[in-house]
């Protein structure tokens, strides 16, 4: 698991799985003051695994208020039976306490 193309993709087993330019709904008060942050993902800073949860620190901007910055660890997918499954794009994501992976 790694970040590719200057932070544009998360690769799992050399297969691009999660990309930037998506809109994520976050329950992340550390990024901005919005009740839910509508984050346009601009860059993956790091990727890690906590148990079966794949998480990333991302840089992006809230489209509601304009605040930008780097998030804490945000779930992007899970590993089940050796396969990667991406988090539902409509899900509200909440930061976790993943270590440096």
Protein backbone atom coordinates (compact mmCIF):
# COMPACT_ATOMS: atom_id res chain seq x y z
CA UNK A 1 0.00 0.00 0.00
CA UNK A 2 1.46 3.35 -1.02
CA UNK A 3 0.79 6.82 -2.38
CA UNK A 4 1.51 7.27 -6.12
CA UNK A 5 1.89 10.08 -8.64
CA UNK A 6 2.82 12.87 -6.23
CA UNK A 7 -0.13 12.15 -3.96
CA UNK A 8 -2.78 11.64 -6.65
CA UNK A 9 -3.56 7.96 -5.91
CA UNK A 10 -3.49 5.32 -3.21
CA UNK A 11 -2.19 2.07 -4.66
CA UNK A 12 -2.95 -1.36 -3.21
CA UNK A 13 -0.76 -4.18 -4.58
CA UNK A 14 0.34 -1.89 -7.45
CA UNK A 15 -3.26 -1.22 -8.49
CA UNK A 16 -4.62 2.34 -8.21
CA UNK A 17 -7.67 2.24 -5.92
CA UNK A 18 -8.45 5.68 -4.42
CA UNK A 19 -7.90 8.99 -6.25
CA UNK A 20 -7.95 12.70 -5.53
CA UNK A 21 -10.54 15.13 -6.93
CA UNK A 22 -13.37 13.42 -5.05
CA UNK A 23 -15.76 15.05 -2.61
CA UNK A 24 -15.76 13.47 0.86
CA UNK A 25 -18.14 14.33 3.71
CA UNK A 26 -16.19 14.50 6.95
CA UNK A 27 -17.15 14.77 10.57
CA UNK A 28 -13.84 16.52 11.28
CA UNK A 29 -14.04 19.66 13.39
CA UNK A 30 -10.23 20.03 13.34
CA UNK A 31 -10.30 21.07 9.67
CA UNK A 32 -13.05 23.71 9.69
CA UNK A 33 -16.05 24.95 11.70
CA UNK A 34 -18.71 23.41 9.42
CA UNK A 35 -21.01 20.83 11.03
CA UNK A 36 -19.94 18.42 8.25
CA UNK A 37 -16.96 19.23 6.06
CA UNK A 38 -17.49 18.84 2.29
CA UNK A 39 -13.85 18.18 1.44
CA UNK A 40 -12.46 18.19 -2.07
CA UNK A 41 -9.51 15.81 -1.78
CA UNK A 42 -6.47 17.44 -3.43
CA UNK A 43 -3.53 15.29 -2.27
CA UNK A 44 -2.79 12.16 -0.24
CA UNK A 45 -0.10 12.92 2.34
CA UNK A 46 0.27 9.43 3.87
CA UNK A 47 -1.43 6.05 3.93
CA UNK A 48 -1.54 3.50 6.74
CA UNK A 49 -3.35 0.44 8.03
CA UNK A 50 -4.97 0.03 11.44
CA UNK A 51 -6.17 -3.56 11.73
CA UNK A 52 -8.30 -4.07 8.62
CA UNK A 53 -8.98 -0.35 8.09
CA UNK A 54 -6.97 1.51 5.44
CA UNK A 55 -6.58 5.18 6.35
CA UNK A 56 -5.02 8.27 4.84
CA UNK A 57 -4.05 11.79 5.77
CA UNK A 58 -5.27 14.05 2.99
CA UNK A 59 -4.87 17.68 2.01
CA UNK A 60 -8.02 19.33 0.72
CA UNK A 61 -10.46 22.22 0.89
CA UNK A 62 -13.97 22.50 2.31
CA UNK A 63 -16.21 23.71 -0.50
CA UNK A 64 -18.68 25.26 1.96
CA UNK A 65 -16.35 27.61 3.86
CA UNK A 66 -13.09 27.58 1.89
CA UNK A 67 -10.85 26.34 4.73
CA UNK A 68 -8.03 24.11 3.58
CA UNK A 69 -5.54 21.89 5.34
CA UNK A 70 -4.46 18.37 6.14
CA UNK A 71 -6.82 15.99 7.92
CA UNK A 72 -6.11 13.48 10.62
CA UNK A 73 -6.30 9.81 9.67
CA UNK A 74 -9.47 9.27 7.59
CA UNK A 75 -10.76 5.79 6.63
CA UNK A 76 -10.59 5.15 2.87
CA UNK A 77 -11.25 1.41 2.76
CA UNK A 78 -11.02 -1.99 4.43
CA UNK A 79 -9.11 -5.18 3.78
CA UNK A 80 -11.36 -8.28 3.74
CA UNK A 81 -9.94 -11.71 2.93
CA UNK A 82 -6.88 -10.14 1.33
CA UNK A 83 -8.93 -7.83 -0.94
CA UNK A 84 -9.36 -4.07 -0.69
CA UNK A 85 -12.87 -2.56 -0.53
CA UNK A 86 -13.21 1.23 -0.79
CA UNK A 87 -15.44 3.11 1.69
CA UNK A 88 -18.83 4.03 0.21
CA UNK A 89 -18.43 7.42 -1.44
CA UNK A 90 -21.65 8.68 0.20
CA UNK A 91 -20.53 7.75 3.73
CA UNK A 92 -19.70 10.38 6.34
CA UNK A 93 -16.07 9.69 7.27
CA UNK A 94 -14.74 10.25 10.78
CA UNK A 95 -11.07 10.64 11.73
CA UNK A 96 -9.49 7.77 13.66
CA UNK A 97 -6.39 7.37 15.78
CA UNK A 98 -4.25 5.38 13.29
CA UNK A 99 -0.53 5.49 14.01
CA UNK A 100 2.00 6.26 11.29
CA UNK A 101 1.09 2.98 9.59
